[in-house]
Amino acid sequence: MKERFLTVLKWFFIVLGVIFFIQILLVLGAFIGIITFANTTFKMPENVNKMKDIKPIINYVQEYQKENGKYPKTVEGIKLKKDLTYKYEPSKDFNCYTITLKSQKENTTKQYQQCMVKTDNSSSSSESYVEFSN
């Protein structure tokens, strides 16, 4: 009887140890997942050759946003190639903007959009770039 009790007790502690080990692995996995997700930034590589025409406008808008905390209402006085025309449209809350650039020479339209929202505890940024032929 004593041997059976010791065997049951031994297996009880083995099962308890395995369950404790699995619990530690789950908690560590959750922490690693949270840390990895919190430090992840999704940034697509920028194709410099395609965006070089629109880059002066983007640079102006970014500098304005750094100084004033929001995007400008209008963009004027930026010199581009003669065959290019652009349209700048900010959102109602000035957290987003869209630039549409049309080229008569290449018969293409490029559209760039960026949004940035900053609060006390978080920051969110998104970009999109589309190019199509007319």
N, C-alpha and C. Protein backbone atom coordinates (compact mmCIF):
# COMPACT_ATOMS: atom_id res chain seq x y z
N MET A 1 0.81 -1.18 0.00
CA MET A 1 0.00 0.00 0.00
C MET A 1 0.86 1.26 0.00
N LYS A 2 1.94 1.20 0.77
CA LYS A 2 2.84 2.34 0.86
C LYS A 2 3.52 2.58 -0.48
N GLU A 3 3.89 1.48 -1.20
CA GLU A 3 4.53 1.63 -2.50
C GLU A 3 3.56 2.24 -3.51
N ARG A 4 2.31 1.83 -3.46
CA ARG A 4 1.32 2.38 -4.39
C ARG A 4 1.10 3.87 -4.11
N PHE A 5 1.02 4.24 -2.86
CA PHE A 5 0.87 5.65 -2.49
C PHE A 5 2.06 6.47 -2.99
N LEU A 6 3.27 5.97 -2.83
CA LEU A 6 4.47 6.67 -3.31
C LEU A 6 4.48 6.78 -4.83
N THR A 7 4.01 5.74 -5.53
CA THR A 7 3.94 5.79 -7.00
C THR A 7 2.92 6.83 -7.46
N VAL A 8 1.77 6.85 -6.83
CA VAL A 8 0.74 7.85 -7.17
C VAL A 8 1.25 9.25 -6.87
N LEU A 9 1.90 9.42 -5.73
CA LEU A 9 2.46 10.72 -5.36
C LEU A 9 3.54 11.15 -6.35
N LYS A 10 4.38 10.21 -6.77
CA LYS A 10 5.44 10.51 -7.75
C LYS A 10 4.83 10.97 -9.07
N TRP A 11 3.82 10.25 -9.59
CA TRP A 11 3.19 10.63 -10.84
C TRP A 11 2.41 11.95 -10.71
N PHE A 12 1.85 12.19 -9.55
CA PHE A 12 1.16 13.46 -9.31
C PHE A 12 2.13 14.63 -9.45
N PHE A 13 3.30 14.51 -8.83
CA PHE A 13 4.29 15.59 -8.91
C PHE A 13 4.89 15.71 -10.32
N ILE A 14 5.03 14.60 -11.04
CA ILE A 14 5.50 14.66 -12.42
C ILE A 14 4.49 15.41 -13.29
N VAL A 15 3.22 15.06 -13.18
CA VAL A 15 2.17 15.74 -13.96
C VAL A 15 2.10 17.20 -13.56
N LEU A 16 2.19 17.49 -12.28
CA LEU A 16 2.17 18.87 -11.80
C LEU A 16 3.35 19.66 -12.38
N GLY A 17 4.52 19.04 -12.43
CA GLY A 17 5.70 19.69 -13.00
C GLY A 17 5.55 19.95 -14.49
N VAL A 18 4.99 18.99 -15.21
CA VAL A 18 4.78 19.17 -16.66
C VAL A 18 3.78 20.30 -16.91
N ILE A 19 2.70 20.33 -16.16
CA ILE A 19 1.70 21.40 -16.32
C ILE A 19 2.32 22.75 -15.98
N PHE A 20 3.14 22.83 -14.94
CA PHE A 20 3.81 24.07 -14.58
C PHE A 20 4.77 24.51 -15.69
N PHE A 21 5.49 23.58 -16.28
CA PHE A 21 6.43 23.88 -17.37
C PHE A 21 5.68 24.40 -18.59
N ILE A 22 4.54 23.76 -18.93
CA ILE A 22 3.73 24.22 -20.06
C ILE A 22 3.20 25.63 -19.79
N GLN A 23 2.79 25.91 -18.57
CA GLN A 23 2.30 27.23 -18.20
C GLN A 23 3.40 28.28 -18.37
N ILE A 24 4.60 27.97 -17.94
CA ILE A 24 5.72 28.91 -18.09
C ILE A 24 5.99 29.18 -19.57
N LEU A 25 5.96 28.13 -20.40
CA LEU A 25 6.18 28.32 -21.83
C LEU A 25 5.09 29.20 -22.45
N LEU A 26 3.85 29.02 -22.07
CA LEU A 26 2.76 29.84 -22.60
C LEU A 26 2.91 31.30 -22.19
N VAL A 27 3.25 31.55 -20.95
CA VAL A 27 3.42 32.92 -20.47
C VAL A 27 4.61 33.58 -21.18
N LEU A 28 5.72 32.87 -21.31
CA LEU A 28 6.87 33.43 -22.03
C LEU A 28 6.52 33.70 -23.49
N GLY A 29 5.80 32.79 -24.13
CA GLY A 29 5.38 33.00 -25.52
C GLY A 29 4.50 34.22 -25.66
N ALA A 30 3.60 34.42 -24.71
CA ALA A 30 2.73 35.60 -24.75
C ALA A 30 3.54 36.87 -24.60
N PHE A 31 4.49 36.90 -23.68
CA PHE A 31 5.33 38.09 -23.50
C PHE A 31 6.17 38.36 -24.74
N ILE A 32 6.75 37.34 -25.31
CA ILE A 32 7.57 37.52 -26.51
C ILE A 32 6.69 38.03 -27.66
N GLY A 33 5.49 37.48 -27.79
CA GLY A 33 4.58 37.93 -28.84
C GLY A 33 4.18 39.38 -28.66
N ILE A 34 3.88 39.79 -27.45
CA ILE A 34 3.49 41.18 -27.17
C ILE A 34 4.65 42.11 -27.45
N ILE A 35 5.84 41.76 -27.00
CA ILE A 35 7.02 42.61 -27.22
C ILE A 35 7.33 42.71 -28.70
N THR A 36 7.25 41.60 -29.42
CA THR A 36 7.53 41.61 -30.86
C THR A 36 6.52 42.47 -31.59
N PHE A 37 5.25 42.33 -31.28
CA PHE A 37 4.22 43.12 -31.95
C PHE A 37 4.34 44.60 -31.62
N ALA A 38 4.70 44.93 -30.40
CA ALA A 38 4.81 46.33 -29.99
C ALA A 38 5.98 47.02 -30.68
N ASN A 39 7.04 46.29 -30.98
CA ASN A 39 8.22 46.89 -31.60
C ASN A 39 8.22 46.79 -33.12
N THR A 40 7.19 46.24 -33.71
CA THR A 40 7.15 46.05 -35.15
C THR A 40 6.66 47.31 -35.83
N THR A 41 7.37 47.73 -36.85
CA THR A 41 6.91 48.83 -37.69
C THR A 41 6.83 48.29 -39.11
N PHE A 42 5.75 48.61 -39.76
CA PHE A 42 5.55 48.16 -41.12
C PHE A 42 5.90 49.31 -42.05
N LYS A 43 6.99 49.18 -42.75
CA LYS A 43 7.45 50.23 -43.65
C LYS A 43 7.84 49.57 -44.96
N MET A 44 7.14 49.93 -45.99
CA MET A 44 7.47 49.40 -47.30
C MET A 44 8.63 50.22 -47.87
N PRO A 45 9.54 49.59 -48.58
CA PRO A 45 10.64 50.35 -49.18
C PRO A 45 10.11 51.31 -50.23
N GLU A 46 10.65 52.49 -50.20
CA GLU A 46 10.21 53.53 -51.09
C GLU A 46 10.96 53.43 -52.41
N ASN A 47 10.25 53.45 -53.49
CA ASN A 47 10.89 53.44 -54.80
C ASN A 47 11.21 54.89 -55.16
N VAL A 48 12.45 55.27 -55.00
CA VAL A 48 12.87 56.66 -55.14
C VAL A 48 12.67 57.16 -56.56
N ASN A 49 12.91 56.34 -57.55
CA ASN A 49 12.77 56.79 -58.93
C ASN A 49 11.33 57.14 -59.27
N LYS A 50 10.38 56.40 -58.78
CA LYS A 50 8.98 56.68 -59.09
C LYS A 50 8.45 57.88 -58.32
N MET A 51 8.97 58.10 -57.11
CA MET A 51 8.43 59.16 -56.27
C MET A 51 9.25 60.44 -56.33
N LYS A 52 10.28 60.52 -57.15
CA LYS A 52 11.13 61.70 -57.12
C LYS A 52 10.40 62.96 -57.56
N ASP A 53 9.38 62.83 -58.44
CA ASP A 53 8.62 64.01 -58.87
C ASP A 53 7.75 64.59 -57.76
N ILE A 54 7.25 63.73 -56.91
CA ILE A 54 6.32 64.15 -55.86
C ILE A 54 7.05 64.48 -54.55
N LYS A 55 8.32 64.10 -54.47
CA LYS A 55 9.10 64.26 -53.23
C LYS A 55 9.21 65.70 -52.73
N PRO A 56 9.37 66.74 -53.59
CA PRO A 56 9.44 68.11 -53.05
C PRO A 56 8.19 68.52 -52.28
N ILE A 57 7.03 68.08 -52.74
CA ILE A 57 5.78 68.41 -52.05
C ILE A 57 5.72 67.67 -50.71
N ILE A 58 6.10 66.40 -50.73
CA ILE A 58 6.08 65.60 -49.50
C ILE A 58 7.04 66.21 -48.47
N ASN A 59 8.23 66.60 -48.90
CA ASN A 59 9.20 67.20 -47.97
C ASN A 59 8.67 68.48 -47.35
N TYR A 60 8.03 69.34 -48.16
CA TYR A 60 7.46 70.58 -47.65
C TYR A 60 6.38 70.29 -46.60
N VAL A 61 5.50 69.36 -46.93
CA VAL A 61 4.39 69.03 -46.02
C VAL A 61 4.93 68.42 -44.72
N GLN A 62 5.94 67.56 -44.81
CA GLN A 62 6.53 66.94 -43.61
C GLN A 62 7.18 67.99 -42.70
N GLU A 63 7.91 68.91 -43.28
CA GLU A 63 8.54 69.98 -42.49
C GLU A 63 7.49 70.84 -41.80
N TYR A 64 6.43 71.18 -42.53
CA TYR A 64 5.34 71.96 -41.95
C TYR A 64 4.71 71.21 -40.78
N GLN A 65 4.51 69.90 -40.96
CA GLN A 65 3.88 69.09 -39.91
C GLN A 65 4.77 69.01 -38.68
N LYS A 66 6.09 68.91 -38.86
CA LYS A 66 7.01 68.87 -37.72
C LYS A 66 6.96 70.16 -36.93
N GLU A 67 6.85 71.29 -37.62
CA GLU A 67 6.85 72.59 -36.95
C GLU A 67 5.51 72.91 -36.30
N ASN A 68 4.39 72.53 -36.94
CA ASN A 68 3.08 72.96 -36.48
C ASN A 68 2.20 71.86 -35.90
N GLY A 69 2.60 70.61 -36.01
CA GLY A 69 1.84 69.51 -35.44
C GLY A 69 0.68 69.03 -36.28
N LYS A 70 0.43 69.64 -37.43
CA LYS A 70 -0.61 69.20 -38.35
C LYS A 70 -0.18 69.57 -39.77
N TYR A 71 -0.87 69.01 -40.73
CA TYR A 71 -0.53 69.27 -42.12
C TYR A 71 -1.09 70.61 -42.57
N PRO A 72 -0.47 71.25 -43.55
CA PRO A 72 -0.93 72.59 -43.97
C PRO A 72 -2.28 72.54 -44.71
N LYS A 73 -2.96 73.71 -44.72
CA LYS A 73 -4.22 73.81 -45.45
C LYS A 73 -3.98 73.83 -46.95
N THR A 74 -2.95 74.55 -47.36
CA THR A 74 -2.63 74.64 -48.79
C THR A 74 -1.13 74.51 -48.99
N VAL A 75 -0.75 74.15 -50.20
CA VAL A 75 0.66 74.05 -50.58
C VAL A 75 0.83 74.90 -51.82
N GLU A 76 1.70 75.91 -51.73
CA GLU A 76 1.90 76.79 -52.87
C GLU A 76 3.38 77.10 -53.02
N GLY A 77 3.77 77.44 -54.22
CA GLY A 77 5.13 77.90 -54.48
C GLY A 77 6.16 76.80 -54.62
N ILE A 78 5.74 75.58 -54.79
CA ILE A 78 6.69 74.49 -54.99
C ILE A 78 6.93 74.33 -56.48
N LYS A 79 8.19 74.34 -56.88
CA LYS A 79 8.53 74.26 -58.30
C LYS A 79 8.69 72.80 -58.71
N LEU A 80 7.96 72.45 -59.74
CA LEU A 80 8.03 71.11 -60.32
C LEU A 80 8.33 71.25 -61.81
N LYS A 81 8.50 70.14 -62.49
CA LYS A 81 8.72 70.17 -63.94
C LYS A 81 7.51 70.82 -64.62
N LYS A 82 7.74 71.36 -65.82
CA LYS A 82 6.69 72.12 -66.51
C LYS A 82 5.47 71.28 -66.88
N ASP A 83 5.66 70.00 -67.17
CA ASP A 83 4.53 69.17 -67.60
C ASP A 83 3.75 68.56 -66.43
N LEU A 84 4.13 68.89 -65.20
CA LEU A 84 3.48 68.31 -64.02
C LEU A 84 2.49 69.29 -63.39
N THR A 85 1.32 68.80 -63.02
CA THR A 85 0.36 69.58 -62.24
C THR A 85 -0.01 68.74 -61.02
N TYR A 86 -0.19 69.42 -59.89
CA TYR A 86 -0.51 68.69 -58.67
C TYR A 86 -1.73 69.29 -57.99
N LYS A 87 -2.35 68.44 -57.19
CA LYS A 87 -3.49 68.85 -56.38
C LYS A 87 -3.24 68.34 -54.97
N TYR A 88 -3.30 69.23 -53.99
CA TYR A 88 -3.07 68.90 -52.59
C TYR A 88 -4.39 69.00 -51.85
N GLU A 89 -4.77 67.93 -51.15
CA GLU A 89 -6.02 67.92 -50.40
C GLU A 89 -5.78 67.41 -48.99
N PRO A 90 -5.91 68.29 -47.97
CA PRO A 90 -5.81 67.80 -46.59
C PRO A 90 -7.17 67.28 -46.11
N SER A 91 -7.16 66.46 -45.07
CA SER A 91 -8.42 66.00 -44.49
C SER A 91 -9.02 67.11 -43.63
N LYS A 92 -10.24 66.91 -43.17
CA LYS A 92 -10.92 67.94 -42.38
C LYS A 92 -10.19 68.25 -41.07
N ASP A 93 -9.59 67.22 -40.45
CA ASP A 93 -8.89 67.42 -39.19
C ASP A 93 -7.39 67.67 -39.38
N PHE A 94 -6.94 67.75 -40.63
CA PHE A 94 -5.54 68.02 -41.01
C PHE A 94 -4.57 66.98 -40.46
N ASN A 95 -5.04 65.74 -40.26
CA ASN A 95 -4.17 64.64 -39.86
C ASN A 95 -3.74 63.81 -41.07
N CYS A 96 -4.40 64.00 -42.20
CA CYS A 96 -4.09 63.27 -43.43
C CYS A 96 -4.02 64.24 -44.60
N TYR A 97 -3.33 63.82 -45.63
CA TYR A 97 -3.33 64.61 -46.86
C TYR A 97 -3.16 63.68 -48.06
N THR A 98 -3.61 64.18 -49.21
CA THR A 98 -3.49 63.44 -50.47
C THR A 98 -2.90 64.37 -51.50
N ILE A 99 -1.91 63.89 -52.22
CA ILE A 99 -1.29 64.64 -53.32
C ILE A 99 -1.55 63.85 -54.59
N THR A 100 -2.14 64.51 -55.58
CA THR A 100 -2.36 63.89 -56.88
C THR A 100 -1.50 64.65 -57.88
N LEU A 101 -0.63 63.94 -58.56
CA LEU A 101 0.33 64.54 -59.50
C LEU A 101 0.04 63.98 -60.89
N LYS A 102 -0.23 64.88 -61.84
CA LYS A 102 -0.52 64.45 -63.21
C LYS A 102 0.60 64.91 -64.13
N SER A 103 0.99 64.01 -65.02
CA SER A 103 2.02 64.30 -66.01
C SER A 103 1.40 64.20 -67.40
N GLN A 104 1.41 65.32 -68.14
CA GLN A 104 0.88 65.29 -69.50
C GLN A 104 1.85 64.58 -70.45
N LYS A 105 3.13 64.71 -70.20
CA LYS A 105 4.15 64.12 -71.07
C LYS A 105 4.11 62.59 -71.03
N GLU A 106 4.05 62.02 -69.83
CA GLU A 106 4.03 60.57 -69.68
C GLU A 106 2.61 60.01 -69.63
N ASN A 107 1.60 60.88 -69.56
CA ASN A 107 0.21 60.48 -69.48
C ASN A 107 -0.06 59.56 -68.28
N THR A 108 0.49 59.95 -67.12
CA THR A 108 0.32 59.17 -65.90
C THR A 108 -0.22 60.05 -64.77
N THR A 109 -0.78 59.39 -63.79
CA THR A 109 -1.23 60.05 -62.57
C THR A 109 -0.63 59.31 -61.39
N LYS A 110 -0.05 60.07 -60.47
CA LYS A 110 0.53 59.50 -59.25
C LYS A 110 -0.26 60.06 -58.08
N GLN A 111 -0.58 59.20 -57.15
CA GLN A 111 -1.32 59.66 -55.97
C GLN A 111 -0.62 59.14 -54.72
N TYR A 112 -0.36 60.06 -53.81
CA TYR A 112 0.32 59.74 -52.56
C TYR A 112 -0.57 60.21 -51.42
N GLN A 113 -0.74 59.35 -50.41
CA GLN A 113 -1.54 59.73 -49.25
C GLN A 113 -0.79 59.35 -47.98
N GLN A 114 -0.84 60.24 -47.01
CA GLN A 114 -0.22 59.96 -45.72
C GLN A 114 -1.12 60.47 -44.61
N CYS A 115 -1.18 59.68 -43.54
CA CYS A 115 -1.93 60.06 -42.34
C CYS A 115 -1.02 59.88 -41.14
N MET A 116 -1.11 60.79 -40.19
CA MET A 116 -0.36 60.67 -38.95
C MET A 116 -1.21 61.20 -37.81
N VAL A 117 -1.42 60.34 -36.82
CA VAL A 117 -2.20 60.72 -35.65
C VAL A 117 -1.34 60.47 -34.43
N LYS A 118 -1.17 61.51 -33.61
CA LYS A 118 -0.39 61.38 -32.38
C LYS A 118 -1.27 61.75 -31.21
N THR A 119 -1.22 60.91 -30.19
CA THR A 119 -1.90 61.22 -28.93
C THR A 119 -0.85 61.13 -27.83
N ASP A 120 -1.27 61.30 -26.59
CA ASP A 120 -0.32 61.26 -25.48
C ASP A 120 0.38 59.91 -25.37
N ASN A 121 -0.35 58.82 -25.64
CA ASN A 121 0.19 57.49 -25.41
C ASN A 121 0.50 56.70 -26.67
N SER A 122 0.12 57.21 -27.84
CA SER A 122 0.34 56.41 -29.04
C SER A 122 0.56 57.30 -30.26
N SER A 123 1.04 56.66 -31.29
CA SER A 123 1.28 57.33 -32.56
C SER A 123 0.97 56.35 -33.68
N SER A 124 0.30 56.83 -34.72
CA SER A 124 -0.06 55.98 -35.84
C SER A 124 0.24 56.71 -37.13
N SER A 125 0.85 56.00 -38.08
CA SER A 125 1.20 56.61 -39.35
C SER A 125 0.93 55.62 -40.47
N SER A 126 0.40 56.11 -41.59
CA SER A 126 0.17 55.24 -42.74
C SER A 126 0.48 56.02 -44.02
N GLU A 127 0.94 55.29 -45.03
CA GLU A 127 1.27 55.88 -46.32
C GLU A 127 0.73 54.99 -47.42
N SER A 128 0.34 55.60 -48.53
CA SER A 128 -0.01 54.81 -49.71
C SER A 128 0.43 55.58 -50.95
N TYR A 129 0.85 54.83 -51.96
CA TYR A 129 1.32 55.42 -53.21
C TYR A 129 0.73 54.59 -54.34
N VAL A 130 0.08 55.27 -55.29
CA VAL A 130 -0.51 54.60 -56.44
C VAL A 130 -0.09 55.37 -57.68
N GLU A 131 0.25 54.62 -58.71
CA GLU A 131 0.60 55.23 -60.01
C GLU A 131 -0.17 54.49 -61.08
N PHE A 132 -0.81 55.25 -61.97
CA PHE A 132 -1.56 54.60 -63.06
C PHE A 132 -1.51 55.46 -64.31
N SER A 133 -1.71 54.82 -65.44
CA SER A 133 -1.71 55.51 -66.73
C SER A 133 -3.13 55.95 -67.04
N ASN A 134 -3.23 57.12 -67.67
CA ASN A 134 -4.54 57.66 -68.02
C ASN A 134 -5.04 57.04 -69.30
